[in-house]
């Protein structure tokens, strides 16, 4: 009888996900491998000033580009180092994780409009 009760409880909750798809995508964006996309791109993926410095008495800025209007192919290439970005860290993301990050950004864009 005890085993039937345990099996029933497992069956009852086995079909539920620990995280919703939206929560999973947000967690990937905020912390894919130790540092989140939001640290450089903000929560909405817009252009951000990463830092500024003075060179020859001229103020210069290091600008992180917007990833709001980026194509999936360019997004994928950048994350897999096919685009050899000097500032972009390598996260070693799976294809599924990259796809979910991109879908998160697309939803953010639609919600911000």
PDB file of N, CA and C in Angstrom:
ATOM      1  N   UNK A   1       0.820  -1.192   0.000  1.00  0.00           N
ATOM      2  CA  UNK A   1       0.000   0.000   0.000  1.00  0.00           C
ATOM      3  C   UNK A   1       0.874   1.269   0.000  1.00  0.00           C
ATOM      4  N   UNK A   2       1.955   1.229   0.793  1.00  0.00           N
ATOM      5  CA  UNK A   2       2.836   2.380   0.882  1.00  0.00           C
ATOM      6  C   UNK A   2       3.449   2.686  -0.488  1.00  0.00           C
ATOM      7  N   UNK A   3       3.814   1.649  -1.250  1.00  0.00           N
ATOM      8  CA  UNK A   3       4.412   1.841  -2.567  1.00  0.00           C
ATOM      9  C   UNK A   3       3.420   2.421  -3.564  1.00  0.00           C
ATOM     10  N   UNK A   4       2.175   2.037  -3.436  1.00  0.00           N
ATOM     11  CA  UNK A   4       1.138   2.584  -4.316  1.00  0.00           C
ATOM     12  C   UNK A   4       0.952   4.070  -4.047  1.00  0.00           C
ATOM     13  N   UNK A   5       0.978   4.470  -2.783  1.00  0.00           N
ATOM     14  CA  UNK A   5       0.842   5.874  -2.421  1.00  0.00           C
ATOM     15  C   UNK A   5       2.030   6.691  -2.939  1.00  0.00           C
ATOM     16  N   UNK A   6       3.233   6.167  -2.794  1.00  0.00           N
ATOM     17  CA  UNK A   6       4.431   6.854  -3.304  1.00  0.00           C
ATOM     18  C   UNK A   6       4.359   6.977  -4.820  1.00  0.00           C
ATOM     19  N   UNK A   7       3.990   5.910  -5.498  1.00  0.00           N
ATOM     20  CA  UNK A   7       3.869   5.939  -6.946  1.00  0.00           C
ATOM     21  C   UNK A   7       2.803   6.945  -7.386  1.00  0.00           C
ATOM     22  N   UNK A   8       1.681   6.976  -6.684  1.00  0.00           N
ATOM     23  CA  UNK A   8       0.614   7.914  -7.020  1.00  0.00           C
ATOM     24  C   UNK A   8       1.090   9.362  -6.869  1.00  0.00           C
ATOM     25  N   UNK A   9       1.816   9.664  -5.787  1.00  0.00           N
ATOM     26  CA  UNK A   9       2.333  11.021  -5.577  1.00  0.00           C
ATOM     27  C   UNK A   9       3.325  11.390  -6.675  1.00  0.00           C
ATOM     28  N   UNK A  10       4.184  10.467  -7.039  1.00  0.00           N
ATOM     29  CA  UNK A  10       5.143  10.718  -8.119  1.00  0.00           C
ATOM     30  C   UNK A  10       4.406  10.961  -9.431  1.00  0.00           C
ATOM     31  N   UNK A  11       3.422  10.142  -9.717  1.00  0.00           N
ATOM     32  CA  UNK A  11       2.639  10.281 -10.946  1.00  0.00           C
ATOM     33  C   UNK A  11       1.882  11.606 -10.973  1.00  0.00           C
ATOM     34  N   UNK A  12       1.374  12.011  -9.851  1.00  0.00           N
ATOM     35  CA  UNK A  12       0.598  13.245  -9.757  1.00  0.00           C
ATOM     36  C   UNK A  12       1.443  14.475 -10.092  1.00  0.00           C
ATOM     37  N   UNK A  13       2.695  14.502  -9.646  1.00  0.00           N
ATOM     38  CA  UNK A  13       3.552  15.668  -9.837  1.00  0.00           C
ATOM     39  C   UNK A  13       4.600  15.493 -10.929  1.00  0.00           C
ATOM     40  N   UNK A  14       4.660  14.359 -11.565  1.00  0.00           N
ATOM     41  CA  UNK A  14       5.706  14.089 -12.559  1.00  0.00           C
ATOM     42  C   UNK A  14       5.552  14.933 -13.814  1.00  0.00           C
ATOM     43  N   UNK A  15       4.374  15.355 -14.124  1.00  0.00           N
ATOM     44  CA  UNK A  15       4.147  16.086 -15.369  1.00  0.00           C
ATOM     45  C   UNK A  15       4.349  17.594 -15.221  1.00  0.00           C
ATOM     46  N   UNK A  16       4.620  18.074 -14.029  1.00  0.00           N
ATOM     47  CA  UNK A  16       4.807  19.507 -13.839  1.00  0.00           C
ATOM     48  C   UNK A  16       6.286  19.852 -13.972  1.00  0.00           C
ATOM     49  N   UNK A  17       6.560  21.011 -14.524  1.00  0.00           N
ATOM     50  CA  UNK A  17       7.927  21.476 -14.687  1.00  0.00           C
ATOM     51  C   UNK A  17       8.351  22.253 -13.457  1.00  0.00           C
ATOM     52  N   UNK A  18       9.636  22.193 -13.171  1.00  0.00           N
ATOM     53  CA  UNK A  18      10.182  22.941 -12.053  1.00  0.00           C
ATOM     54  C   UNK A  18      10.141  24.434 -12.348  1.00  0.00           C
ATOM     55  N   UNK A  19      10.490  24.816 -13.571  1.00  0.00           N
ATOM     56  CA  UNK A  19      10.455  26.207 -14.022  1.00  0.00           C
ATOM     57  C   UNK A  19       9.566  26.316 -15.251  1.00  0.00           C
ATOM     58  N   UNK A  20       8.905  27.425 -15.380  1.00  0.00           N
ATOM     59  CA  UNK A  20       8.177  27.673 -16.620  1.00  0.00           C
ATOM     60  C   UNK A  20       9.204  28.010 -17.699  1.00  0.00           C
ATOM     61  N   UNK A  21       8.791  27.988 -18.934  1.00  0.00           N
ATOM     62  CA  UNK A  21       9.691  28.318 -20.035  1.00  0.00           C
ATOM     63  C   UNK A  21      10.216  29.749 -19.899  1.00  0.00           C
ATOM     64  N   UNK A  22       9.362  30.661 -19.491  1.00  0.00           N
ATOM     65  CA  UNK A  22       9.758  32.058 -19.305  1.00  0.00           C
ATOM     66  C   UNK A  22      10.782  32.201 -18.177  1.00  0.00           C
ATOM     67  N   UNK A  23      10.567  31.468 -17.074  1.00  0.00           N
ATOM     68  CA  UNK A  23      11.524  31.513 -15.961  1.00  0.00           C
ATOM     69  C   UNK A  23      12.874  30.933 -16.373  1.00  0.00           C
ATOM     70  N   UNK A  24      12.836  29.867 -17.149  1.00  0.00           N
ATOM     71  CA  UNK A  24      14.065  29.250 -17.649  1.00  0.00           C
ATOM     72  C   UNK A  24      14.826  30.230 -18.543  1.00  0.00           C
ATOM     73  N   UNK A  25      14.130  30.886 -19.455  1.00  0.00           N
ATOM     74  CA  UNK A  25      14.762  31.837 -20.360  1.00  0.00           C
ATOM     75  C   UNK A  25      15.358  33.009 -19.589  1.00  0.00           C
ATOM     76  N   UNK A  26      14.626  33.517 -18.610  1.00  0.00           N
ATOM     77  CA  UNK A  26      15.132  34.621 -17.794  1.00  0.00           C
ATOM     78  C   UNK A  26      16.366  34.189 -17.000  1.00  0.00           C
ATOM     79  N   UNK A  27      16.346  32.978 -16.456  1.00  0.00           N
ATOM     80  CA  UNK A  27      17.506  32.504 -15.697  1.00  0.00           C
ATOM     81  C   UNK A  27      18.725  32.344 -16.600  1.00  0.00           C
ATOM     82  N   UNK A  28      18.524  31.931 -17.832  1.00  0.00           N
ATOM     83  CA  UNK A  28      19.630  31.866 -18.787  1.00  0.00           C
ATOM     84  C   UNK A  28      20.176  33.253 -19.079  1.00  0.00           C
ATOM     85  N   UNK A  29      19.301  34.216 -19.243  1.00  0.00           N
ATOM     86  CA  UNK A  29      19.723  35.575 -19.561  1.00  0.00           C
ATOM     87  C   UNK A  29      20.460  36.221 -18.387  1.00  0.00           C
ATOM     88  N   UNK A  30      20.004  35.951 -17.183  1.00  0.00           N
ATOM     89  CA  UNK A  30      20.612  36.575 -16.010  1.00  0.00           C
ATOM     90  C   UNK A  30      21.849  35.843 -15.504  1.00  0.00           C
ATOM     91  N   UNK A  31      21.985  34.559 -15.798  1.00  0.00           N
ATOM     92  CA  UNK A  31      23.131  33.823 -15.276  1.00  0.00           C
ATOM     93  C   UNK A  31      23.382  32.540 -16.068  1.00  0.00           C
ATOM     94  N   UNK A  32      23.818  32.655 -17.323  1.00  0.00           N
ATOM     95  CA  UNK A  32      24.024  31.439 -18.105  1.00  0.00           C
ATOM     96  C   UNK A  32      25.210  30.604 -17.632  1.00  0.00           C
ATOM     97  N   UNK A  33      26.307  31.222 -17.289  1.00  0.00           N
ATOM     98  CA  UNK A  33      27.493  30.499 -16.827  1.00  0.00           C
ATOM     99  C   UNK A  33      28.320  31.387 -15.895  1.00  0.00           C
ATOM    100  N   UNK A  34      27.691  31.918 -14.881  1.00  0.00           N
ATOM    101  CA  UNK A  34      28.421  32.691 -13.892  1.00  0.00           C
ATOM    102  C   UNK A  34      28.227  34.191 -13.988  1.00  0.00           C
ATOM    103  N   UNK A  35      28.073  34.733 -15.157  1.00  0.00           N
ATOM    104  CA  UNK A  35      27.786  36.161 -15.322  1.00  0.00           C
ATOM    105  C   UNK A  35      26.708  36.294 -16.391  1.00  0.00           C
ATOM    106  N   UNK A  36      25.726  37.095 -16.102  1.00  0.00           N
ATOM    107  CA  UNK A  36      24.574  37.186 -16.975  1.00  0.00           C
ATOM    108  C   UNK A  36      24.718  38.168 -18.116  1.00  0.00           C
ATOM    109  N   UNK A  37      23.923  37.953 -19.142  1.00  0.00           N
ATOM    110  CA  UNK A  37      23.850  38.859 -20.289  1.00  0.00           C
ATOM    111  C   UNK A  37      23.422  40.246 -19.829  1.00  0.00           C
ATOM    112  N   UNK A  38      22.578  40.280 -18.788  1.00  0.00           N
ATOM    113  CA  UNK A  38      22.044  41.550 -18.290  1.00  0.00           C
ATOM    114  C   UNK A  38      23.120  42.470 -17.722  1.00  0.00           C
ATOM    115  N   UNK A  39      24.253  41.928 -17.324  1.00  0.00           N
ATOM    116  CA  UNK A  39      25.324  42.754 -16.764  1.00  0.00           C
ATOM    117  C   UNK A  39      25.889  43.715 -17.810  1.00  0.00           C
ATOM    118  N   UNK A  40      25.892  43.303 -19.070  1.00  0.00           N
ATOM    119  CA  UNK A  40      26.406  44.162 -20.147  1.00  0.00           C
ATOM    120  C   UNK A  40      25.295  44.725 -21.031  1.00  0.00           C
ATOM    121  N   UNK A  41      24.248  43.954 -21.259  1.00  0.00           N
ATOM    122  CA  UNK A  41      23.193  44.341 -22.199  1.00  0.00           C
ATOM    123  C   UNK A  41      21.934  44.874 -21.527  1.00  0.00           C
ATOM    124  N   UNK A  42      21.900  44.898 -20.200  1.00  0.00           N
ATOM    125  CA  UNK A  42      20.700  45.338 -19.494  1.00  0.00           C
ATOM    126  C   UNK A  42      19.607  44.288 -19.591  1.00  0.00           C
ATOM    127  N   UNK A  43      18.524  44.499 -18.884  1.00  0.00           N
ATOM    128  CA  UNK A  43      17.433  43.515 -18.895  1.00  0.00           C
ATOM    129  C   UNK A  43      16.725  43.417 -20.233  1.00  0.00           C
ATOM    130  N   UNK A  44      16.784  44.485 -21.033  1.00  0.00           N
ATOM    131  CA  UNK A  44      16.044  44.467 -22.293  1.00  0.00           C
ATOM    132  C   UNK A  44      16.938  44.283 -23.519  1.00  0.00           C
ATOM    133  N   UNK A  45      18.252  44.114 -23.339  1.00  0.00           N
ATOM    134  CA  UNK A  45      19.140  43.880 -24.477  1.00  0.00           C
ATOM    135  C   UNK A  45      19.519  45.127 -25.250  1.00  0.00           C
ATOM    136  N   UNK A  46      19.298  46.294 -24.669  1.00  0.00           N
ATOM    137  CA  UNK A  46      19.578  47.532 -25.390  1.00  0.00           C
ATOM    138  C   UNK A  46      21.055  47.916 -25.287  1.00  0.00           C
ATOM    139  N   UNK A  47      21.443  48.883 -26.102  1.00  0.00           N
ATOM    140  CA  UNK A  47      22.816  49.368 -26.092  1.00  0.00           C
ATOM    141  C   UNK A  47      23.152  49.955 -24.726  1.00  0.00           C
ATOM    142  N   UNK A  48      24.342  49.663 -24.230  1.00  0.00           N
ATOM    143  CA  UNK A  48      24.770  50.115 -22.910  1.00  0.00           C
ATOM    144  C   UNK A  48      26.191  50.658 -22.987  1.00  0.00           C
ATOM    145  N   UNK A  49      26.483  51.664 -22.199  1.00  0.00           N
ATOM    146  CA  UNK A  49      27.858  52.129 -22.051  1.00  0.00           C
ATOM    147  C   UNK A  49      28.498  51.256 -20.977  1.00  0.00           C
ATOM    148  N   UNK A  50      29.490  50.486 -21.368  1.00  0.00           N
ATOM    149  CA  UNK A  50      30.151  49.550 -20.464  1.00  0.00           C
ATOM    150  C   UNK A  50      31.154  50.269 -19.563  1.00  0.00           C
ATOM    151  N   UNK A  51      31.924  51.146 -20.153  1.00  0.00           N
ATOM    152  CA  UNK A  51      32.881  51.936 -19.383  1.00  0.00           C
ATOM    153  C   UNK A  51      33.309  53.150 -20.201  1.00  0.00           C
ATOM    154  N   UNK A  52      33.969  54.053 -19.531  1.00  0.00           N
ATOM    155  CA  UNK A  52      34.514  55.211 -20.233  1.00  0.00           C
ATOM    156  C   UNK A  52      35.930  55.451 -19.724  1.00  0.00           C
ATOM    157  N   UNK A  53      36.715  56.093 -20.551  1.00  0.00           N
ATOM    158  CA  UNK A  53      38.095  56.388 -20.189  1.00  0.00           C
ATOM    159  C   UNK A  53      38.552  57.627 -20.950  1.00  0.00           C
ATOM    160  N   UNK A  54      39.671  58.153 -20.526  1.00  0.00           N
ATOM    161  CA  UNK A  54      40.210  59.340 -21.191  1.00  0.00           C
ATOM    162  C   UNK A  54      41.513  58.954 -21.888  1.00  0.00           C
ATOM    163  N   UNK A  55      41.574  59.287 -23.162  1.00  0.00           N
ATOM    164  CA  UNK A  55      42.765  59.025 -23.964  1.00  0.00           C
ATOM    165  C   UNK A  55      43.136  60.311 -24.686  1.00  0.00           C
ATOM    166  N   UNK A  56      44.330  60.795 -24.458  1.00  0.00           N
ATOM    167  CA  UNK A  56      44.782  62.066 -25.048  1.00  0.00           C
ATOM    168  C   UNK A  56      43.799  63.201 -24.765  1.00  0.00           C
ATOM    169  N   UNK A  57      43.344  63.253 -23.541  1.00  0.00           N
ATOM    170  CA  UNK A  57      42.429  64.291 -23.059  1.00  0.00           C
ATOM    171  C   UNK A  57      41.046  64.251 -23.720  1.00  0.00           C
ATOM    172  N   UNK A  58      40.741  63.126 -24.340  1.00  0.00           N
ATOM    173  CA  UNK A  58      39.443  62.947 -24.982  1.00  0.00           C
ATOM    174  C   UNK A  58      38.725  61.787 -24.286  1.00  0.00           C
ATOM    175  N   UNK A  59      37.500  62.052 -23.860  1.00  0.00           N
ATOM    176  CA  UNK A  59      36.711  60.997 -23.215  1.00  0.00           C
ATOM    177  C   UNK A  59      36.203  60.025 -24.272  1.00  0.00           C
ATOM    178  N   UNK A  60      36.454  58.748 -24.039  1.00  0.00           N
ATOM    179  CA  UNK A  60      35.986  57.700 -24.943  1.00  0.00           C
ATOM    180  C   UNK A  60      35.140  56.710 -24.150  1.00  0.00           C
ATOM    181  N   UNK A  61      34.271  56.024 -24.861  1.00  0.00           N
ATOM    182  CA  UNK A  61      33.388  55.055 -24.214  1.00  0.00           C
ATOM    183  C   UNK A  61      33.493  53.695 -24.898  1.00  0.00           C
ATOM    184  N   UNK A  62      33.377  52.676 -24.097  1.00  0.00           N
ATOM    185  CA  UNK A  62      33.247  51.315 -24.612  1.00  0.00           C
ATOM    186  C   UNK A  62      31.752  51.023 -24.592  1.00  0.00           C
ATOM    187  N   UNK A  63      31.180  50.861 -25.778  1.00  0.00           N
ATOM    188  CA  UNK A  63      29.731  50.687 -25.902  1.00  0.00           C
ATOM    189  C   UNK A  63      29.418  49.235 -26.241  1.00  0.00           C
ATOM    190  N   UNK A  64      28.532  48.659 -25.466  1.00  0.00           N
ATOM    191  CA  UNK A  64      28.032  47.312 -25.738  1.00  0.00           C
ATOM    192  C   UNK A  64      26.841  47.462 -26.673  1.00  0.00           C
ATOM    193  N   UNK A  65      26.883  46.833 -27.843  1.00  0.00           N
ATOM    194  CA  UNK A  65      25.801  47.032 -28.813  1.00  0.00           C
ATOM    195  C   UNK A  65      24.478  46.411 -28.376  1.00  0.00           C
ATOM    196  N   UNK A  66      23.423  46.945 -28.909  1.00  0.00           N
ATOM    197  CA  UNK A  66      22.093  46.391 -28.672  1.00  0.00           C
ATOM    198  C   UNK A  66      21.998  45.009 -29.302  1.00  0.00           C
ATOM    199  N   UNK A  67      21.322  44.118 -28.618  1.00  0.00           N
ATOM    200  CA  UNK A  67      21.047  42.802 -29.191  1.00  0.00           C
ATOM    201  C   UNK A  67      19.552  42.616 -29.406  1.00  0.00           C
ATOM    202  N   UNK A  68      18.836  43.731 -29.422  1.00  0.00           N
ATOM    203  CA  UNK A  68      17.387  43.679 -29.601  1.00  0.00           C
ATOM    204  C   UNK A  68      16.993  43.348 -31.036  1.00  0.00           C
ATOM    205  N   UNK A  69      17.706  43.909 -31.985  1.00  0.00           N
ATOM    206  CA  UNK A  69      17.325  43.735 -33.395  1.00  0.00           C
ATOM    207  C   UNK A  69      18.290  42.837 -34.151  1.00  0.00           C
ATOM    208  N   UNK A  70      19.020  42.024 -33.441  1.00  0.00           N
ATOM    209  CA  UNK A  70      20.011  41.155 -34.064  1.00  0.00           C
ATOM    210  C   UNK A  70      19.314  39.928 -34.665  1.00  0.00           C
ATOM    211  N   UNK A  71      19.827  39.471 -35.784  1.00  0.00           N
ATOM    212  CA  UNK A  71      19.256  38.260 -36.385  1.00  0.00           C
ATOM    213  C   UNK A  71      19.678  37.040 -35.576  1.00  0.00           C
ATOM    214  N   UNK A  72      18.917  35.980 -35.699  1.00  0.00           N
ATOM    215  CA  UNK A  72      19.254  34.767 -34.959  1.00  0.00           C
ATOM    216  C   UNK A  72      20.623  34.239 -35.380  1.00  0.00           C
ATOM    217  N   UNK A  73      20.909  34.288 -36.682  1.00  0.00           N
ATOM    218  CA  UNK A  73      22.199  33.765 -37.156  1.00  0.00           C
ATOM    219  C   UNK A  73      23.375  34.534 -36.556  1.00  0.00           C
ATOM    220  N   UNK A  74      23.275  35.850 -36.518  1.00  0.00           N
ATOM    221  CA  UNK A  74      24.357  36.649 -35.936  1.00  0.00           C
ATOM    222  C   UNK A  74      24.447  36.417 -34.426  1.00  0.00           C
ATOM    223  N   UNK A  75      23.307  36.323 -33.769  1.00  0.00           N
ATOM    224  CA  UNK A  75      23.256  36.033 -32.337  1.00  0.00           C
ATOM    225  C   UNK A  75      23.948  34.698 -32.047  1.00  0.00           C
ATOM    226  N   UNK A  76      23.597  33.697 -32.825  1.00  0.00           N
ATOM    227  CA  UNK A  76      24.182  32.359 -32.671  1.00  0.00           C
ATOM    228  C   UNK A  76      25.684  32.392 -32.924  1.00  0.00           C
ATOM    229  N   UNK A  77      26.079  33.047 -34.002  1.00  0.00           N
ATOM    230  CA  UNK A  77      27.503  33.120 -34.341  1.00  0.00           C
ATOM    231  C   UNK A  77      28.308  33.827 -33.263  1.00  0.00           C
ATOM    232  N   UNK A  78      27.761  34.888 -32.694  1.00  0.00           N
ATOM    233  CA  UNK A  78      28.462  35.618 -31.636  1.00  0.00           C
ATOM    234  C   UNK A  78      28.631  34.752 -30.396  1.00  0.00           C
ATOM    235  N   UNK A  79      27.592  34.029 -30.031  1.00  0.00           N
ATOM    236  CA  UNK A  79      27.665  33.191 -28.831  1.00  0.00           C
ATOM    237  C   UNK A  79      28.521  31.944 -29.024  1.00  0.00           C
ATOM    238  N   UNK A  80      28.714  31.535 -30.251  1.00  0.00           N
ATOM    239  CA  UNK A  80      29.538  30.356 -30.502  1.00  0.00           C
ATOM    240  C   UNK A  80      30.920  30.745 -31.009  1.00  0.00           C
ATOM    241  N   UNK A  81      31.254  32.017 -30.896  1.00  0.00           N
ATOM    242  CA  UNK A  81      32.562  32.566 -31.253  1.00  0.00           C
ATOM    243  C   UNK A  81      32.880  32.509 -32.743  1.00  0.00           C
ATOM    244  N   UNK A  82      31.877  32.351 -33.581  1.00  0.00           N
ATOM    245  CA  UNK A  82      32.123  32.440 -35.019  1.00  0.00           C
ATOM    246  C   UNK A  82      32.291  33.899 -35.425  1.00  0.00           C
ATOM    247  N   UNK A  83      31.859  34.811 -34.551  1.00  0.00           N
ATOM    248  CA  UNK A  83      31.943  36.240 -34.815  1.00  0.00           C
ATOM    249  C   UNK A  83      33.139  36.887 -34.108  1.00  0.00           C
ATOM    250  N   UNK A  84      33.918  36.165 -33.383  1.00  0.00           N
ATOM    251  CA  UNK A  84      35.163  36.608 -32.744  1.00  0.00           C
ATOM    252  C   UNK A  84      35.087  37.976 -32.071  1.00  0.00           C
ATOM    253  N   UNK A  85      34.047  38.215 -31.318  1.00  0.00           N
ATOM    254  CA  UNK A  85      33.922  39.464 -30.561  1.00  0.00           C
ATOM    255  C   UNK A  85      35.002  39.509 -29.481  1.00  0.00           C
ATOM    256  N   UNK A  86      35.650  40.659 -29.334  1.00  0.00           N
ATOM    257  CA  UNK A  86      36.729  40.785 -28.354  1.00  0.00           C
ATOM    258  C   UNK A  86      36.202  40.911 -26.930  1.00  0.00           C
ATOM    259  N   UNK A  87      35.043  41.512 -26.757  1.00  0.00           N
ATOM    260  CA  UNK A  87      34.505  41.712 -25.411  1.00  0.00           C
ATOM    261  C   UNK A  87      33.563  40.604 -24.963  1.00  0.00           C
ATOM    262  N   UNK A  88      32.942  39.944 -25.901  1.00  0.00           N
ATOM    263  CA  UNK A  88      31.938  38.938 -25.567  1.00  0.00           C
ATOM    264  C   UNK A  88      32.594  37.684 -24.996  1.00  0.00           C
ATOM    265  N   UNK A  89      32.241  37.325 -23.759  1.00  0.00           N
ATOM    266  CA  UNK A  89      32.819  36.095 -23.188  1.00  0.00           C
ATOM    267  C   UNK A  89      32.245  34.857 -23.867  1.00  0.00           C
ATOM    268  N   UNK A  90      32.952  33.773 -23.763  1.00  0.00           N
ATOM    269  CA  UNK A  90      32.466  32.509 -24.310  1.00  0.00           C
ATOM    270  C   UNK A  90      31.758  31.744 -23.197  1.00  0.00           C
ATOM    271  N   UNK A  91      30.486  31.462 -23.409  1.00  0.00           N
ATOM    272  CA  UNK A  91      29.680  30.799 -22.384  1.00  0.00           C
ATOM    273  C   UNK A  91      29.546  29.292 -22.582  1.00  0.00           C
ATOM    274  N   UNK A  92      29.911  28.792 -23.736  1.00  0.00           N
ATOM    275  CA  UNK A  92      29.772  27.358 -24.036  1.00  0.00           C
ATOM    276  C   UNK A  92      28.325  26.906 -23.879  1.00  0.00           C
ATOM    277  N   UNK A  93      27.443  27.634 -24.515  1.00  0.00           N
ATOM    278  CA  UNK A  93      26.014  27.335 -24.435  1.00  0.00           C
ATOM    279  C   UNK A  93      25.630  26.278 -25.457  1.00  0.00           C
ATOM    280  N   UNK A  94      24.610  25.508 -25.121  1.00  0.00           N
ATOM    281  CA  UNK A  94      24.080  24.535 -26.064  1.00  0.00           C
ATOM    282  C   UNK A  94      23.213  25.259 -27.089  1.00  0.00           C
ATOM    283  N   UNK A  95      22.923  24.606 -28.184  1.00  0.00           N
ATOM    284  CA  UNK A  95      22.040  25.200 -29.199  1.00  0.00           C
ATOM    285  C   UNK A  95      20.673  25.523 -28.611  1.00  0.00           C
ATOM    286  N   UNK A  96      20.166  24.659 -27.748  1.00  0.00           N
ATOM    287  CA  UNK A  96      18.865  24.886 -27.115  1.00  0.00           C
ATOM    288  C   UNK A  96      18.915  26.120 -26.201  1.00  0.00           C
ATOM    289  N   UNK A  97      19.987  26.301 -25.464  1.00  0.00           N
ATOM    290  CA  UNK A  97      20.112  27.467 -24.593  1.00  0.00           C
ATOM    291  C   UNK A  97      20.192  28.757 -25.412  1.00  0.00           C
ATOM    292  N   UNK A  98      20.938  28.720 -26.510  1.00  0.00           N
ATOM    293  CA  UNK A  98      21.032  29.893 -27.383  1.00  0.00           C
ATOM    294  C   UNK A  98      19.666  30.246 -27.946  1.00  0.00           C
ATOM    295  N   UNK A  99      18.938  29.242 -28.385  1.00  0.00           N
ATOM    296  CA  UNK A  99      17.597  29.466 -28.928  1.00  0.00           C
ATOM    297  C   UNK A  99      16.681  30.100 -27.872  1.00  0.00           C
ATOM    298  N   UNK A 100      16.738  29.596 -26.645  1.00  0.00           N
ATOM    299  CA  UNK A 100      15.892  30.136 -25.579  1.00  0.00           C
ATOM    300  C   UNK A 100      16.296  31.550 -25.185  1.00  0.00           C
ATOM    301  N   UNK A 101      17.576  31.861 -25.212  1.00  0.00           N
ATOM    302  CA  UNK A 101      18.014  33.239 -24.973  1.00  0.00           C
ATOM    303  C   UNK A 101      17.464  34.171 -26.037  1.00  0.00           C
ATOM    304  N   UNK A 102      17.528  33.739 -27.273  1.00  0.00           N
ATOM    305  CA  UNK A 102      17.022  34.562 -28.373  1.00  0.00           C
ATOM    306  C   UNK A 102      15.508  34.768 -28.239  1.00  0.00           C
ATOM    307  N   UNK A 103      14.785  33.708 -27.897  1.00  0.00           N
ATOM    308  CA  UNK A 103      13.338  33.825 -27.712  1.00  0.00           C
ATOM    309  C   UNK A 103      13.003  34.769 -26.559  1.00  0.00           C
ATOM    310  N   UNK A 104      13.800  34.743 -25.496  1.00  0.00           N
ATOM    311  CA  UNK A 104      13.608  35.663 -24.374  1.00  0.00           C
ATOM    312  C   UNK A 104      13.716  37.103 -24.862  1.00  0.00           C
ATOM    313  N   UNK A 105      14.752  37.402 -25.643  1.00  0.00           N
ATOM    314  CA  UNK A 105      14.938  38.768 -26.147  1.00  0.00           C
ATOM    315  C   UNK A 105      13.785  39.195 -27.041  1.00  0.00           C
ATOM    316  N   UNK A 106      13.319  38.295 -27.883  1.00  0.00           N
ATOM    317  CA  UNK A 106      12.207  38.623 -28.772  1.00  0.00           C
ATOM    318  C   UNK A 106      10.941  38.934 -27.976  1.00  0.00           C
ATOM    319  N   UNK A 107      10.705  38.205 -26.903  1.00  0.00           N
ATOM    320  CA  UNK A 107       9.542  38.484 -26.046  1.00  0.00           C
ATOM    321  C   UNK A 107       9.696  39.820 -25.343  1.00  0.00           C
ATOM    322  N   UNK A 108      10.906  40.135 -24.876  1.00  0.00           N
ATOM    323  CA  UNK A 108      11.166  41.414 -24.205  1.00  0.00           C
ATOM    324  C   UNK A 108      10.894  42.582 -25.157  1.00  0.00           C
ATOM    325  N   UNK A 109      11.312  42.427 -26.390  1.00  0.00           N
ATOM    326  CA  UNK A 109      11.103  43.486 -27.390  1.00  0.00           C
ATOM    327  C   UNK A 109       9.620  43.723 -27.592  1.00  0.00           C
ATOM    328  N   UNK A 110       8.851  42.660 -27.743  1.00  0.00           N
ATOM    329  CA  UNK A 110       7.405  42.792 -27.954  1.00  0.00           C
ATOM    330  C   UNK A 110       6.721  43.400 -26.740  1.00  0.00           C
ATOM    331  N   UNK A 111       7.180  43.039 -25.534  1.00  0.00           N
ATOM    332  CA  UNK A 111       6.580  43.572 -24.310  1.00  0.00           C
ATOM    333  C   UNK A 111       6.933  45.029 -24.087  1.00  0.00           C
ATOM    334  N   UNK A 112       8.078  45.476 -24.586  1.00  0.00           N
ATOM    335  CA  UNK A 112       8.517  46.852 -24.405  1.00  0.00           C
ATOM    336  C   UNK A 112       7.859  47.818 -25.403  1.00  0.00           C
ATOM    337  N   UNK A 113       7.311  47.291 -26.487  1.00  0.00           N
ATOM    338  CA  UNK A 113       6.707  48.150 -27.505  1.00  0.00           C
ATOM    339  C   UNK A 113       5.371  48.711 -27.073  1.00  0.00           C
TER     340      UNK A 113
END
